[in-house]
């Protein structure tokens, strides 16, 4: 009999939580189970995970294959590492070194996530402050910009506007010439 370690869905619609179970792989998702080894609730922050490590390792040693999601959960809990070490290493010192490396990397990841969360919270505070300032300045009114030095103002003004205005004048001269020609043609037609 081939067995799988997978999730069994529980809970109401949009409020699901899962049991981590050992089942025959031919059974449906919510069918009968061989053994219940844990619990997983992804809706809480952080996700709530409870697994009986001994039972999980026992089933992995017997050859049960975890689903992708359960494998990821086992990696977070260190069960997958423990199974790998038991399977491939016989030396206890090597196992301890690998466990220490895993624990250090787990702490580093947790610190990185915490610092990212702090930065995100600070960005939210800054955006809230800017929204409050715009509301205080008046609804629909643009926020006042800081005055720029006179040099920057002078650099932007002169040349592009003059070129545009000369182009407009030339095009308006051409339009007026065409209007005059059209009027002359109309007069000639009227005389005939």
Protein backbone atom coordinates (compact mmCIF):
# COMPACT_ATOMS: atom_id res chain seq x y z
CA UNK A 1 0.00 0.00 0.00
CA UNK A 2 1.47 3.39 -1.01
CA UNK A 3 0.85 6.11 1.49
CA UNK A 4 0.89 9.89 1.27
CA UNK A 5 1.13 12.57 3.91
CA UNK A 6 -1.23 15.31 2.82
CA UNK A 7 -3.76 17.90 3.91
CA UNK A 8 -7.39 17.15 4.74
CA UNK A 9 -9.60 20.23 4.49
CA UNK A 10 -11.81 21.26 7.39
CA UNK A 11 -13.81 24.35 8.27
CA UNK A 12 -16.39 26.48 6.54
CA UNK A 13 -16.18 28.22 3.21
CA UNK A 14 -13.43 30.88 3.22
CA UNK A 15 -12.46 29.81 6.75
CA UNK A 16 -10.61 26.64 5.98
CA UNK A 17 -8.02 24.93 8.12
CA UNK A 18 -6.35 21.61 7.48
CA UNK A 19 -5.43 18.39 9.23
CA UNK A 20 -2.12 16.80 8.25
CA UNK A 21 -2.93 13.14 7.71
CA UNK A 22 -1.46 9.90 6.44
CA UNK A 23 -3.72 8.27 3.82
CA UNK A 24 -3.68 5.70 1.07
CA UNK A 25 -2.90 7.76 -2.04
CA UNK A 26 -5.92 6.31 -3.89
CA UNK A 27 -8.36 7.77 -1.35
CA UNK A 28 -10.12 11.11 -1.95
CA UNK A 29 -8.86 14.26 -0.25
CA UNK A 30 -11.39 14.18 2.57
CA UNK A 31 -11.75 10.38 2.71
CA UNK A 32 -10.79 7.98 5.47
CA UNK A 33 -7.33 8.37 6.99
CA UNK A 34 -4.75 5.99 8.43
CA UNK A 35 -3.39 8.42 11.02
CA UNK A 36 -3.76 12.07 11.93
CA UNK A 37 -0.35 13.65 12.63
CA UNK A 38 -0.91 17.40 12.74
CA UNK A 39 -2.79 20.61 12.13
CA UNK A 40 -2.27 23.60 9.79
CA UNK A 41 -4.17 26.91 9.82
CA UNK A 42 -2.98 29.28 7.05
CA UNK A 43 -5.44 32.07 7.95
CA UNK A 44 -3.65 33.18 11.11
CA UNK A 45 -0.62 35.48 11.00
CA UNK A 46 1.82 33.72 11.16
CA UNK A 47 0.31 30.43 10.01
CA UNK A 48 -0.38 28.02 12.86
CA UNK A 49 1.40 24.69 12.43
CA UNK A 50 1.36 21.74 14.83
CA UNK A 51 2.93 18.44 13.79
CA UNK A 52 3.85 15.41 15.86
CA UNK A 53 7.52 15.17 14.83
CA UNK A 54 7.95 11.57 15.93
CA UNK A 55 4.93 10.27 14.01
CA UNK A 56 5.89 12.26 10.91
CA UNK A 57 9.46 10.89 10.97
CA UNK A 58 8.15 7.37 11.56
CA UNK A 59 5.88 7.57 8.49
CA UNK A 60 8.64 9.11 6.36
CA UNK A 61 10.94 6.22 7.34
CA UNK A 62 8.21 3.77 6.32
CA UNK A 63 8.15 5.37 2.87
CA UNK A 64 5.17 7.73 3.00
CA UNK A 65 5.55 10.54 0.44
CA UNK A 66 4.51 14.05 1.54
CA UNK A 67 2.55 16.28 -0.82
CA UNK A 68 4.28 19.49 -1.97
CA UNK A 69 2.50 21.66 0.59
CA UNK A 70 3.13 19.24 3.44
CA UNK A 71 6.78 18.97 2.38
CA UNK A 72 7.08 22.79 2.58
CA UNK A 73 5.48 22.74 6.04
CA UNK A 74 7.88 20.00 7.15
CA UNK A 75 10.82 22.04 5.89
CA UNK A 76 9.70 25.01 8.00
CA UNK A 77 9.41 22.79 11.05
CA UNK A 78 12.73 21.01 10.45
CA UNK A 79 11.20 17.57 9.99
CA UNK A 80 12.40 17.24 6.39
CA UNK A 81 15.95 18.09 7.48
CA UNK A 82 15.81 15.57 10.31
CA UNK A 83 14.60 12.86 7.92
CA UNK A 84 17.35 13.74 5.44
CA UNK A 85 20.02 13.60 8.16
CA UNK A 86 18.74 10.27 9.52
CA UNK A 87 18.66 8.81 6.04
CA UNK A 88 22.06 10.05 4.77
CA UNK A 89 24.32 10.68 7.78
CA UNK A 90 25.49 8.16 10.35
CA UNK A 91 27.83 10.48 12.23
CA UNK A 92 26.12 12.38 15.06
CA UNK A 93 28.57 15.29 14.86
CA UNK A 94 27.73 15.89 11.20
CA UNK A 95 24.01 15.80 12.05
CA UNK A 96 24.50 18.37 14.82
CA UNK A 97 26.48 20.68 12.53
CA UNK A 98 23.76 20.54 9.87
CA UNK A 99 21.03 21.22 12.47
CA UNK A 100 22.97 24.25 13.74
CA UNK A 101 23.34 25.59 10.20
CA UNK A 102 19.60 25.19 9.66
CA UNK A 103 18.77 26.95 12.95
CA UNK A 104 21.08 29.86 12.09
CA UNK A 105 19.55 30.25 8.65
CA UNK A 106 16.06 30.11 10.19
CA UNK A 107 16.97 32.91 12.63
CA UNK A 108 18.48 34.99 9.82
CA UNK A 109 15.30 34.59 7.73
CA UNK A 110 13.14 35.58 10.71
CA UNK A 111 15.25 38.70 11.33
CA UNK A 112 15.11 39.63 7.64
CA UNK A 113 11.31 39.25 7.57
CA UNK A 114 11.00 41.30 10.75
CA UNK A 115 13.14 44.14 9.36
CA UNK A 116 11.14 44.09 6.10
CA UNK A 117 7.93 44.31 8.10
CA UNK A 118 9.27 47.28 10.09
CA UNK A 119 10.25 49.07 6.87
CA UNK A 120 6.80 48.43 5.42
CA UNK A 121 5.15 49.82 8.55
CA UNK A 122 7.31 52.95 8.33
CA UNK A 123 6.31 53.46 4.68
CA UNK A 124 2.65 53.16 5.66
CA UNK A 125 3.10 55.80 8.37
CA UNK A 126 4.77 58.17 5.88
CA UNK A 127 1.96 57.71 3.33
CA UNK A 128 -0.67 58.32 6.01
CA UNK A 129 1.09 61.54 7.03
CA UNK A 130 1.21 62.80 3.45
CA UNK A 131 -2.48 62.00 3.00
CA UNK A 132 -3.29 63.97 6.15
CA UNK A 133 -1.27 66.94 4.88
CA UNK A 134 -3.13 66.96 1.58
CA UNK A 135 -6.45 66.80 3.39
CA UNK A 136 -5.44 69.71 5.63
CA UNK A 137 -4.40 71.83 2.64
CA UNK A 138 -7.87 71.42 1.14
CA UNK A 139 -9.82 68.88 -0.85
CA UNK A 140 -9.10 69.02 -4.56
CA UNK A 141 -6.39 71.64 -4.24
CA UNK A 142 -2.91 70.62 -5.27
CA UNK A 143 -0.32 70.67 -2.55
CA UNK A 144 1.91 73.75 -2.66
CA UNK A 145 5.30 73.07 -4.13
CA UNK A 146 8.43 74.43 -2.61
CA UNK A 147 9.76 77.52 -4.35
CA UNK A 148 12.54 76.76 -6.76
CA UNK A 149 15.54 78.98 -7.22
CA UNK A 150 15.11 81.73 -9.85
CA UNK A 151 17.78 80.22 -12.07
CA UNK A 152 15.73 77.07 -12.64
CA UNK A 153 12.61 79.11 -13.46
CA UNK A 154 14.45 81.22 -16.03
CA UNK A 155 15.99 78.21 -17.74
CA UNK A 156 12.65 76.62 -18.47
CA UNK A 157 10.77 79.62 -19.91
CA UNK A 158 12.15 81.31 -23.00
CA UNK A 159 13.00 79.24 -26.04
CA UNK A 160 10.51 76.38 -26.39
CA UNK A 161 7.52 78.71 -26.04
CA UNK A 162 8.81 81.16 -28.66
CA UNK A 163 9.31 78.40 -31.19
CA UNK A 164 5.81 77.14 -30.67
CA UNK A 165 4.33 80.59 -31.00
CA UNK A 166 6.17 81.24 -34.31
CA UNK A 167 4.93 77.94 -35.67
CA UNK A 168 1.39 78.92 -34.75
CA UNK A 169 1.79 82.31 -36.41
CA UNK A 170 3.11 80.73 -39.61
CA UNK A 171 0.29 78.22 -39.70
CA UNK A 172 -2.28 80.96 -39.07
CA UNK A 173 -0.75 83.04 -41.93
CA UNK A 174 -1.05 80.08 -44.29
CA UNK A 175 -4.65 79.52 -43.18
CA UNK A 176 -5.55 83.16 -43.81
CA UNK A 177 -3.98 82.99 -47.32
CA UNK A 178 -6.07 79.92 -48.09
CA UNK A 179 -9.20 81.63 -46.79
CA UNK A 180 -8.59 84.59 -49.12
CA UNK A 181 -8.11 82.30 -52.12
CA UNK A 182 -11.30 80.43 -51.29
CA UNK A 183 -13.24 83.70 -51.08
CA UNK A 184 -11.90 84.82 -54.48
CA UNK A 185 -12.96 81.54 -56.06
CA UNK A 186 -16.43 81.91 -54.58
CA UNK A 187 -16.75 85.42 -56.04
CA UNK A 188 -15.67 84.21 -59.47
CA UNK A 189 -18.16 81.37 -59.37
CA UNK A 190 -20.92 83.75 -58.33
CA UNK A 191 -20.13 86.09 -61.24
CA UNK A 192 -20.34 83.31 -63.80
